[in-house]
Amino acid sequence: MQRKLPVRKALALAAALRAAATPLSSVAATDTDALVAQVKALAERVERLEAQNTQLRSALETDRISENEPELATRIKAVEAQQQALQGPAHNHPRAGRHQRGR
Protein backbone atom coordinates (compact mmCIF):
# COMPACT_ATOMS: atom_id res chain seq x y z
CA MET A 1 0.00 0.00 0.00
CA GLN A 2 1.34 3.41 -0.99
CA ARG A 3 1.39 6.16 1.49
CA LYS A 4 0.28 9.55 0.22
CA LEU A 5 2.00 12.73 1.32
CA PRO A 6 -0.09 15.75 2.06
CA VAL A 7 0.11 18.26 -0.78
CA ARG A 8 1.80 20.84 1.39
CA LYS A 9 4.60 18.41 2.39
CA ALA A 10 4.98 17.20 -1.17
CA LEU A 11 5.39 20.77 -2.42
CA ALA A 12 7.84 21.56 0.38
CA LEU A 13 9.86 18.43 -0.41
CA ALA A 14 9.91 19.23 -4.14
CA ALA A 15 11.04 22.79 -3.42
CA ALA A 16 13.78 21.54 -1.11
CA LEU A 17 15.01 19.02 -3.69
CA ARG A 18 15.00 21.64 -6.41
CA ALA A 19 16.87 24.09 -4.19
CA ALA A 20 19.45 21.44 -3.34
CA ALA A 21 19.86 20.40 -6.98
CA THR A 22 20.17 23.92 -8.38
CA PRO A 23 23.65 24.62 -7.02
CA LEU A 24 24.81 21.24 -8.29
CA SER A 25 23.55 21.89 -11.78
CA SER A 26 25.03 25.39 -11.80
CA VAL A 27 28.36 23.96 -10.60
CA ALA A 28 28.18 21.32 -13.33
CA ALA A 29 27.39 24.01 -15.89
CA THR A 30 30.30 26.09 -14.63
CA ASP A 31 32.60 23.06 -14.85
CA THR A 32 31.36 22.34 -18.36
CA ASP A 33 31.89 25.96 -19.40
CA ALA A 34 35.41 25.86 -17.96
CA LEU A 35 36.19 22.64 -19.80
CA VAL A 36 34.84 24.04 -23.07
CA ALA A 37 37.01 27.15 -22.60
CA GLN A 38 40.08 24.99 -21.94
CA VAL A 39 39.41 22.83 -25.00
CA LYS A 40 39.04 25.97 -27.15
CA ALA A 41 42.30 27.37 -25.77
CA LEU A 42 44.09 24.09 -26.45
CA ALA A 43 42.70 23.90 -29.98
CA GLU A 44 43.93 27.44 -30.69
CA ARG A 45 47.35 26.57 -29.28
CA VAL A 46 47.58 23.44 -31.42
CA GLU A 47 46.71 25.51 -34.51
CA ARG A 48 49.46 28.04 -33.68
CA LEU A 49 51.99 25.25 -33.06
CA GLU A 50 51.08 23.55 -36.33
CA ALA A 51 51.53 26.83 -38.20
CA GLN A 52 54.94 27.34 -36.56
CA ASN A 53 55.90 23.76 -37.41
CA THR A 54 54.94 24.32 -41.05
CA GLN A 55 57.07 27.50 -41.17
CA LEU A 56 60.01 25.69 -39.59
CA ARG A 57 59.80 22.75 -41.99
CA SER A 58 59.59 25.12 -44.94
CA ALA A 59 62.62 27.10 -43.72
CA LEU A 60 64.68 23.93 -43.19
CA GLU A 61 64.09 22.77 -46.78
CA THR A 62 66.70 25.25 -48.04
CA ASP A 63 70.29 25.83 -46.96
CA ARG A 64 69.95 29.59 -47.34
CA ILE A 65 69.71 31.60 -44.12
CA SER A 66 67.05 34.30 -44.20
CA GLU A 67 65.91 37.03 -41.82
CA ASN A 68 62.31 35.97 -42.41
CA GLU A 69 62.62 32.39 -41.21
CA PRO A 70 62.04 31.23 -37.62
CA GLU A 71 64.95 31.75 -35.22
CA LEU A 72 65.23 28.02 -34.58
CA ALA A 73 65.79 27.33 -38.29
CA THR A 74 68.51 30.00 -38.39
CA ARG A 75 70.24 28.46 -35.38
CA ILE A 76 70.07 24.93 -36.81
CA LYS A 77 71.50 26.12 -40.14
CA ALA A 78 74.30 28.00 -38.35
CA VAL A 79 75.27 24.87 -36.39
CA GLU A 80 75.18 22.78 -39.57
CA ALA A 81 77.41 25.33 -41.32
CA GLN A 82 79.88 25.26 -38.41
CA GLN A 83 79.91 21.46 -38.45
CA GLN A 84 80.59 21.40 -42.20
CA ALA A 85 83.35 23.98 -41.80
CA LEU A 86 85.02 21.85 -39.13
CA GLN A 87 84.67 18.66 -41.16
CA GLY A 88 85.70 20.25 -44.46
CA PRO A 89 89.50 20.46 -44.05
CA ALA A 90 89.76 17.04 -42.38
CA HIS A 91 87.82 15.32 -45.18
CA ASN A 92 89.82 17.07 -47.90
CA HIS A 93 93.24 16.18 -46.44
CA PRO A 94 94.73 13.05 -48.08
CA ARG A 95 95.85 11.55 -44.76
CA ALA A 96 92.67 12.33 -42.84
CA GLY A 97 91.71 9.58 -40.45
CA ARG A 98 94.95 7.60 -40.87
CA HIS A 99 97.43 7.02 -38.08
CA GLN A 100 101.08 7.36 -39.02
CA ARG A 101 103.57 4.97 -37.48
CA GLY A 102 107.21 5.52 -36.90
CA ARG A 103 107.32 9.23 -37.27
C-alpha atoms as a PDB file:
ATOM      1  CA  MET A   1       0.000   0.000   0.000  1.00  0.00           C
ATOM      2  CA  GLN A   2       1.343   3.406  -0.986  1.00  0.00           C
ATOM      3  CA  ARG A   3       1.389   6.156   1.485  1.00  0.00           C
ATOM      4  CA  LYS A   4       0.277   9.553   0.223  1.00  0.00           C
ATOM      5  CA  LEU A   5       1.995  12.729   1.319  1.00  0.00           C
ATOM      6  CA  PRO A   6      -0.089  15.748   2.060  1.00  0.00           C
ATOM      7  CA  VAL A   7       0.113  18.262  -0.777  1.00  0.00           C
ATOM      8  CA  ARG A   8       1.803  20.844   1.392  1.00  0.00           C
ATOM      9  CA  LYS A   9       4.598  18.415   2.393  1.00  0.00           C
ATOM     10  CA  ALA A  10       4.984  17.200  -1.166  1.00  0.00           C
ATOM     11  CA  LEU A  11       5.390  20.767  -2.420  1.00  0.00           C
ATOM     12  CA  ALA A  12       7.843  21.560   0.375  1.00  0.00           C
ATOM     13  CA  LEU A  13       9.863  18.429  -0.415  1.00  0.00           C
ATOM     14  CA  ALA A  14       9.905  19.226  -4.141  1.00  0.00           C
ATOM     15  CA  ALA A  15      11.035  22.793  -3.423  1.00  0.00           C
ATOM     16  CA  ALA A  16      13.781  21.542  -1.107  1.00  0.00           C
ATOM     17  CA  LEU A  17      15.009  19.019  -3.689  1.00  0.00           C
ATOM     18  CA  ARG A  18      14.999  21.643  -6.407  1.00  0.00           C
ATOM     19  CA  ALA A  19      16.871  24.095  -4.192  1.00  0.00           C
ATOM     20  CA  ALA A  20      19.450  21.443  -3.342  1.00  0.00           C
ATOM     21  CA  ALA A  21      19.855  20.404  -6.981  1.00  0.00           C
ATOM     22  CA  THR A  22      20.170  23.924  -8.377  1.00  0.00           C
ATOM     23  CA  PRO A  23      23.650  24.620  -7.022  1.00  0.00           C
ATOM     24  CA  LEU A  24      24.815  21.243  -8.290  1.00  0.00           C
ATOM     25  CA  SER A  25      23.550  21.887 -11.783  1.00  0.00           C
ATOM     26  CA  SER A  26      25.028  25.390 -11.804  1.00  0.00           C
ATOM     27  CA  VAL A  27      28.356  23.958 -10.601  1.00  0.00           C
ATOM     28  CA  ALA A  28      28.181  21.320 -13.329  1.00  0.00           C
ATOM     29  CA  ALA A  29      27.386  24.014 -15.892  1.00  0.00           C
ATOM     30  CA  THR A  30      30.303  26.094 -14.632  1.00  0.00           C
ATOM     31  CA  ASP A  31      32.602  23.058 -14.849  1.00  0.00           C
ATOM     32  CA  THR A  32      31.357  22.340 -18.358  1.00  0.00           C
ATOM     33  CA  ASP A  33      31.890  25.956 -19.399  1.00  0.00           C
ATOM     34  CA  ALA A  34      35.407  25.863 -17.957  1.00  0.00           C
ATOM     35  CA  LEU A  35      36.191  22.641 -19.804  1.00  0.00           C
ATOM     36  CA  VAL A  36      34.844  24.041 -23.073  1.00  0.00           C
ATOM     37  CA  ALA A  37      37.013  27.146 -22.599  1.00  0.00           C
ATOM     38  CA  GLN A  38      40.080  24.988 -21.935  1.00  0.00           C
ATOM     39  CA  VAL A  39      39.407  22.831 -24.996  1.00  0.00           C
ATOM     40  CA  LYS A  40      39.042  25.972 -27.147  1.00  0.00           C
ATOM     41  CA  ALA A  41      42.300  27.369 -25.774  1.00  0.00           C
ATOM     42  CA  LEU A  42      44.092  24.087 -26.448  1.00  0.00           C
ATOM     43  CA  ALA A  43      42.698  23.901 -29.983  1.00  0.00           C
ATOM     44  CA  GLU A  44      43.928  27.439 -30.690  1.00  0.00           C
ATOM     45  CA  ARG A  45      47.353  26.567 -29.276  1.00  0.00           C
ATOM     46  CA  VAL A  46      47.579  23.440 -31.421  1.00  0.00           C
ATOM     47  CA  GLU A  47      46.712  25.513 -34.508  1.00  0.00           C
ATOM     48  CA  ARG A  48      49.462  28.039 -33.676  1.00  0.00           C
ATOM     49  CA  LEU A  49      51.988  25.247 -33.062  1.00  0.00           C
ATOM     50  CA  GLU A  50      51.081  23.546 -36.334  1.00  0.00           C
ATOM     51  CA  ALA A  51      51.528  26.833 -38.201  1.00  0.00           C
ATOM     52  CA  GLN A  52      54.944  27.343 -36.565  1.00  0.00           C
ATOM     53  CA  ASN A  53      55.903  23.759 -37.414  1.00  0.00           C
ATOM     54  CA  THR A  54      54.942  24.320 -41.047  1.00  0.00           C
ATOM     55  CA  GLN A  55      57.069  27.501 -41.173  1.00  0.00           C
ATOM     56  CA  LEU A  56      60.007  25.686 -39.588  1.00  0.00           C
ATOM     57  CA  ARG A  57      59.804  22.747 -41.995  1.00  0.00           C
ATOM     58  CA  SER A  58      59.592  25.119 -44.936  1.00  0.00           C
ATOM     59  CA  ALA A  59      62.623  27.101 -43.720  1.00  0.00           C
ATOM     60  CA  LEU A  60      64.681  23.934 -43.194  1.00  0.00           C
ATOM     61  CA  GLU A  61      64.087  22.773 -46.776  1.00  0.00           C
ATOM     62  CA  THR A  62      66.700  25.246 -48.041  1.00  0.00           C
ATOM     63  CA  ASP A  63      70.293  25.832 -46.963  1.00  0.00           C
ATOM     64  CA  ARG A  64      69.948  29.585 -47.340  1.00  0.00           C
ATOM     65  CA  ILE A  65      69.711  31.605 -44.116  1.00  0.00           C
ATOM     66  CA  SER A  66      67.055  34.301 -44.205  1.00  0.00           C
ATOM     67  CA  GLU A  67      65.913  37.032 -41.817  1.00  0.00           C
ATOM     68  CA  ASN A  68      62.308  35.971 -42.413  1.00  0.00           C
ATOM     69  CA  GLU A  69      62.615  32.392 -41.211  1.00  0.00           C
ATOM     70  CA  PRO A  70      62.043  31.225 -37.621  1.00  0.00           C
ATOM     71  CA  GLU A  71      64.948  31.755 -35.220  1.00  0.00           C
ATOM     72  CA  LEU A  72      65.227  28.024 -34.580  1.00  0.00           C
ATOM     73  CA  ALA A  73      65.793  27.335 -38.286  1.00  0.00           C
ATOM     74  CA  THR A  74      68.507  29.999 -38.386  1.00  0.00           C
ATOM     75  CA  ARG A  75      70.242  28.459 -35.377  1.00  0.00           C
ATOM     76  CA  ILE A  76      70.069  24.932 -36.813  1.00  0.00           C
ATOM     77  CA  LYS A  77      71.497  26.120 -40.140  1.00  0.00           C
ATOM     78  CA  ALA A  78      74.301  27.996 -38.355  1.00  0.00           C
ATOM     79  CA  VAL A  79      75.266  24.871 -36.387  1.00  0.00           C
ATOM     80  CA  GLU A  80      75.175  22.779 -39.570  1.00  0.00           C
ATOM     81  CA  ALA A  81      77.414  25.325 -41.325  1.00  0.00           C
ATOM     82  CA  GLN A  82      79.876  25.255 -38.410  1.00  0.00           C
ATOM     83  CA  GLN A  83      79.909  21.460 -38.455  1.00  0.00           C
ATOM     84  CA  GLN A  84      80.587  21.403 -42.203  1.00  0.00           C
ATOM     85  CA  ALA A  85      83.346  23.981 -41.798  1.00  0.00           C
ATOM     86  CA  LEU A  86      85.016  21.855 -39.128  1.00  0.00           C
ATOM     87  CA  GLN A  87      84.674  18.661 -41.160  1.00  0.00           C
ATOM     88  CA  GLY A  88      85.695  20.249 -44.455  1.00  0.00           C
ATOM     89  CA  PRO A  89      89.496  20.456 -44.045  1.00  0.00           C
ATOM     90  CA  ALA A  90      89.756  17.043 -42.380  1.00  0.00           C
ATOM     91  CA  HIS A  91      87.822  15.321 -45.182  1.00  0.00           C
ATOM     92  CA  ASN A  92      89.818  17.074 -47.903  1.00  0.00           C
ATOM     93  CA  HIS A  93      93.237  16.178 -46.441  1.00  0.00           C
ATOM     94  CA  PRO A  94      94.733  13.051 -48.077  1.00  0.00           C
ATOM     95  CA  ARG A  95      95.847  11.554 -44.762  1.00  0.00           C
ATOM     96  CA  ALA A  96      92.669  12.328 -42.836  1.00  0.00           C
ATOM     97  CA  GLY A  97      91.706   9.576 -40.446  1.00  0.00           C
ATOM     98  CA  ARG A  98      94.948   7.603 -40.874  1.00  0.00           C
ATOM     99  CA  HIS A  99      97.434   7.021 -38.076  1.00  0.00           C
ATOM    100  CA  GLN A 100     101.075   7.363 -39.023  1.00  0.00           C
ATOM    101  CA  ARG A 101     103.574   4.966 -37.479  1.00  0.00           C
ATOM    102  CA  GLY A 102     107.208   5.518 -36.897  1.00  0.00           C
ATOM    103  CA  ARG A 103     107.316   9.235 -37.266  1.00  0.00           C
END
